[in-house]
């Protein structure tokens, strides 16, 4: 696999995962009651536990996004 293919791969991974992270954040900030109602139908969970869980998952996803998508893409752009 050459550098341009790898750079393009990480670019699209960064774009798609970044868009998903932004969508997740916007949904939770704009309509938190709607998101809670949807999930509380599936899982019996209190609002406080739901908020904590969602923040923890978003934080973990952000770290994984940075480490496995954005940083490799930036490194490939610098090297290439």
N, C-alpha and C. Protein backbone atom coordinates (compact mmCIF):
# COMPACT_ATOMS: atom_id res chain seq x y z
N UNK A 1 0.85 -1.18 0.00
CA UNK A 1 0.00 0.00 0.00
C UNK A 1 0.89 1.23 0.00
N UNK A 2 0.62 2.13 -0.90
CA UNK A 2 1.46 3.32 -1.00
C UNK A 2 0.95 4.43 -0.08
N UNK A 3 1.76 5.49 0.04
CA UNK A 3 1.47 6.58 0.98
C UNK A 3 0.19 7.33 0.60
N UNK A 4 -0.04 7.53 -0.68
CA UNK A 4 -1.23 8.30 -1.08
C UNK A 4 -2.52 7.55 -0.76
N UNK A 5 -2.51 6.24 -0.94
CA UNK A 5 -3.68 5.43 -0.60
C UNK A 5 -3.92 5.43 0.89
N UNK A 6 -2.85 5.27 1.66
CA UNK A 6 -2.97 5.28 3.12
C UNK A 6 -3.42 6.64 3.64
N UNK A 7 -2.91 7.70 3.04
CA UNK A 7 -3.32 9.05 3.44
C UNK A 7 -4.79 9.28 3.12
N UNK A 8 -5.23 8.84 1.95
CA UNK A 8 -6.64 8.99 1.58
C UNK A 8 -7.53 8.17 2.51
N UNK A 9 -7.09 6.97 2.86
CA UNK A 9 -7.86 6.13 3.79
C UNK A 9 -8.04 6.82 5.13
N UNK A 10 -6.95 7.32 5.70
CA UNK A 10 -7.06 7.98 7.00
C UNK A 10 -7.80 9.31 6.91
N UNK A 11 -7.73 9.98 5.76
CA UNK A 11 -8.50 11.20 5.59
C UNK A 11 -10.00 10.90 5.67
N UNK A 12 -10.45 9.87 4.94
CA UNK A 12 -11.87 9.53 4.96
C UNK A 12 -12.30 8.97 6.31
N UNK A 13 -11.43 8.22 6.96
CA UNK A 13 -11.75 7.74 8.31
C UNK A 13 -11.92 8.92 9.26
N UNK A 14 -11.05 9.90 9.14
CA UNK A 14 -11.12 11.09 9.99
C UNK A 14 -12.39 11.88 9.71
N UNK A 15 -12.73 12.05 8.45
CA UNK A 15 -13.94 12.80 8.10
C UNK A 15 -15.19 12.10 8.60
N UNK A 16 -15.31 10.81 8.34
CA UNK A 16 -16.51 10.08 8.74
C UNK A 16 -16.65 9.97 10.26
N UNK A 17 -15.57 9.63 10.93
CA UNK A 17 -15.64 9.50 12.38
C UNK A 17 -15.79 10.85 13.07
N UNK A 18 -15.19 11.89 12.51
CA UNK A 18 -15.37 13.24 13.04
C UNK A 18 -16.81 13.71 12.87
N UNK A 19 -17.41 13.42 11.73
CA UNK A 19 -18.81 13.77 11.50
C UNK A 19 -19.73 13.03 12.47
N UNK A 20 -19.43 11.76 12.72
CA UNK A 20 -20.22 10.99 13.69
C UNK A 20 -20.09 11.57 15.09
N UNK A 21 -18.89 11.95 15.47
CA UNK A 21 -18.68 12.56 16.78
C UNK A 21 -19.40 13.90 16.90
N UNK A 22 -19.37 14.70 15.86
CA UNK A 22 -20.07 15.98 15.87
C UNK A 22 -21.58 15.76 15.94
N UNK A 23 -22.10 14.81 15.15
CA UNK A 23 -23.53 14.51 15.18
C UNK A 23 -23.96 14.05 16.57
N UNK A 24 -23.17 13.17 17.18
CA UNK A 24 -23.46 12.67 18.52
C UNK A 24 -23.52 13.84 19.52
N UNK A 25 -22.55 14.73 19.45
CA UNK A 25 -22.50 15.86 20.36
C UNK A 25 -23.68 16.81 20.14
N UNK A 26 -23.97 17.11 18.88
CA UNK A 26 -25.08 18.01 18.58
C UNK A 26 -26.42 17.42 19.03
N UNK A 27 -26.62 16.13 18.79
CA UNK A 27 -27.86 15.49 19.21
C UNK A 27 -28.01 15.53 20.73
N UNK A 28 -26.93 15.27 21.43
CA UNK A 28 -27.03 15.26 22.88
C UNK A 28 -27.19 16.66 23.45
N UNK A 29 -26.65 17.67 22.78
CA UNK A 29 -26.80 19.04 23.27
C UNK A 29 -28.13 19.65 22.85
N UNK A 30 -28.61 19.35 21.65
CA UNK A 30 -29.82 19.98 21.12
C UNK A 30 -31.10 19.33 21.64
N UNK A 31 -31.14 18.01 21.65
CA UNK A 31 -32.37 17.31 22.04
C UNK A 31 -32.07 16.18 23.04
N UNK A 32 -31.57 16.54 24.23
CA UNK A 32 -31.20 15.49 25.18
C UNK A 32 -32.39 14.69 25.70
N UNK A 33 -33.56 15.33 25.83
CA UNK A 33 -34.73 14.60 26.31
C UNK A 33 -35.20 13.56 25.30
N UNK A 34 -35.15 13.90 24.03
CA UNK A 34 -35.52 12.95 22.98
C UNK A 34 -34.58 11.74 22.98
N UNK A 35 -33.29 12.00 23.08
CA UNK A 35 -32.30 10.91 23.10
C UNK A 35 -32.52 10.03 24.32
N UNK A 36 -32.79 10.64 25.47
CA UNK A 36 -33.05 9.86 26.69
C UNK A 36 -34.32 9.03 26.56
N UNK A 37 -35.39 9.61 26.02
CA UNK A 37 -36.65 8.87 25.87
C UNK A 37 -36.47 7.65 24.98
N UNK A 38 -35.75 7.82 23.89
CA UNK A 38 -35.51 6.69 22.97
C UNK A 38 -34.77 5.57 23.70
N UNK A 39 -33.69 5.92 24.38
CA UNK A 39 -32.88 4.90 25.03
C UNK A 39 -33.54 4.32 26.28
N UNK A 40 -34.31 5.11 26.98
CA UNK A 40 -34.95 4.58 28.20
C UNK A 40 -36.06 3.60 27.87
N UNK A 41 -36.56 3.61 26.62
CA UNK A 41 -37.52 2.58 26.21
C UNK A 41 -36.84 1.23 26.07
N UNK A 42 -35.58 1.23 25.67
CA UNK A 42 -34.84 -0.01 25.47
C UNK A 42 -34.20 -0.50 26.76
N UNK A 43 -33.67 0.42 27.55
CA UNK A 43 -32.91 0.06 28.75
C UNK A 43 -33.46 0.82 29.94
N UNK A 44 -33.75 0.14 31.04
CA UNK A 44 -34.20 0.86 32.25
C UNK A 44 -33.01 1.54 32.92
N UNK A 45 -32.91 2.85 32.74
CA UNK A 45 -31.76 3.60 33.26
C UNK A 45 -32.24 4.97 33.73
N UNK A 46 -31.66 5.44 34.82
CA UNK A 46 -32.02 6.77 35.32
C UNK A 46 -31.38 7.83 34.44
N UNK A 47 -31.91 9.04 34.53
CA UNK A 47 -31.39 10.14 33.71
C UNK A 47 -29.95 10.46 34.08
N UNK A 48 -29.63 10.45 35.37
CA UNK A 48 -28.26 10.77 35.80
C UNK A 48 -27.27 9.72 35.28
N UNK A 49 -27.64 8.45 35.38
CA UNK A 49 -26.76 7.39 34.89
C UNK A 49 -26.62 7.46 33.37
N UNK A 50 -27.70 7.82 32.70
CA UNK A 50 -27.65 7.97 31.24
C UNK A 50 -26.69 9.08 30.83
N UNK A 51 -26.79 10.24 31.50
CA UNK A 51 -25.91 11.35 31.18
C UNK A 51 -24.45 10.99 31.41
N UNK A 52 -24.16 10.35 32.54
CA UNK A 52 -22.79 9.96 32.85
C UNK A 52 -22.27 8.96 31.82
N UNK A 53 -23.10 7.98 31.48
CA UNK A 53 -22.69 6.97 30.50
C UNK A 53 -22.43 7.60 29.13
N UNK A 54 -23.32 8.49 28.72
CA UNK A 54 -23.15 9.11 27.41
C UNK A 54 -21.91 9.98 27.35
N UNK A 55 -21.65 10.74 28.41
CA UNK A 55 -20.44 11.57 28.45
C UNK A 55 -19.19 10.70 28.45
N UNK A 56 -19.21 9.61 29.20
CA UNK A 56 -18.05 8.71 29.24
C UNK A 56 -17.80 8.08 27.88
N UNK A 57 -18.86 7.61 27.23
CA UNK A 57 -18.70 7.01 25.91
C UNK A 57 -18.23 8.03 24.88
N UNK A 58 -18.76 9.24 24.93
CA UNK A 58 -18.33 10.28 23.99
C UNK A 58 -16.85 10.63 24.22
N UNK A 59 -16.45 10.70 25.48
CA UNK A 59 -15.04 10.97 25.78
C UNK A 59 -14.13 9.87 25.30
N UNK A 60 -14.54 8.63 25.51
CA UNK A 60 -13.75 7.49 25.02
C UNK A 60 -13.67 7.46 23.51
N UNK A 61 -14.79 7.74 22.85
CA UNK A 61 -14.81 7.77 21.40
C UNK A 61 -13.91 8.88 20.87
N UNK A 62 -13.92 10.02 21.54
CA UNK A 62 -13.07 11.14 21.12
C UNK A 62 -11.59 10.77 21.22
N UNK A 63 -11.21 10.10 22.30
CA UNK A 63 -9.81 9.69 22.47
C UNK A 63 -9.42 8.68 21.38
N UNK A 64 -10.28 7.69 21.14
CA UNK A 64 -10.00 6.70 20.11
C UNK A 64 -9.94 7.37 18.73
N UNK A 65 -10.83 8.32 18.48
CA UNK A 65 -10.83 9.06 17.22
C UNK A 65 -9.51 9.81 17.02
N UNK A 66 -9.05 10.48 18.06
CA UNK A 66 -7.80 11.23 17.95
C UNK A 66 -6.61 10.31 17.74
N UNK A 67 -6.53 9.24 18.51
CA UNK A 67 -5.36 8.35 18.47
C UNK A 67 -5.30 7.53 17.19
N UNK A 68 -6.45 7.01 16.74
CA UNK A 68 -6.43 6.06 15.63
C UNK A 68 -6.85 6.65 14.28
N UNK A 69 -7.30 7.90 14.26
CA UNK A 69 -7.70 8.51 12.99
C UNK A 69 -6.95 9.80 12.70
N UNK A 70 -7.11 10.77 13.57
CA UNK A 70 -6.58 12.10 13.29
C UNK A 70 -5.05 12.16 13.36
N UNK A 71 -4.46 11.60 14.39
CA UNK A 71 -3.00 11.65 14.55
C UNK A 71 -2.29 10.90 13.41
N UNK A 72 -2.73 9.68 13.04
CA UNK A 72 -2.07 9.03 11.89
C UNK A 72 -2.23 9.82 10.59
N UNK A 73 -3.41 10.43 10.39
CA UNK A 73 -3.61 11.24 9.20
C UNK A 73 -2.66 12.44 9.16
N UNK A 74 -2.53 13.12 10.27
CA UNK A 74 -1.62 14.28 10.35
C UNK A 74 -0.19 13.83 10.12
N UNK A 75 0.21 12.70 10.71
CA UNK A 75 1.56 12.19 10.52
C UNK A 75 1.83 11.84 9.06
N UNK A 76 0.87 11.23 8.39
CA UNK A 76 1.04 10.91 6.98
C UNK A 76 1.11 12.15 6.11
N UNK A 77 0.34 13.17 6.45
CA UNK A 77 0.39 14.42 5.68
C UNK A 77 1.76 15.08 5.87
N UNK A 78 2.28 15.06 7.09
CA UNK A 78 3.59 15.67 7.35
C UNK A 78 4.69 14.90 6.61
N UNK A 79 4.65 13.58 6.69
CA UNK A 79 5.69 12.75 6.06
C UNK A 79 5.58 12.82 4.53
N UNK A 80 4.35 12.81 4.03
CA UNK A 80 4.14 12.80 2.58
C UNK A 80 4.35 14.16 2.00
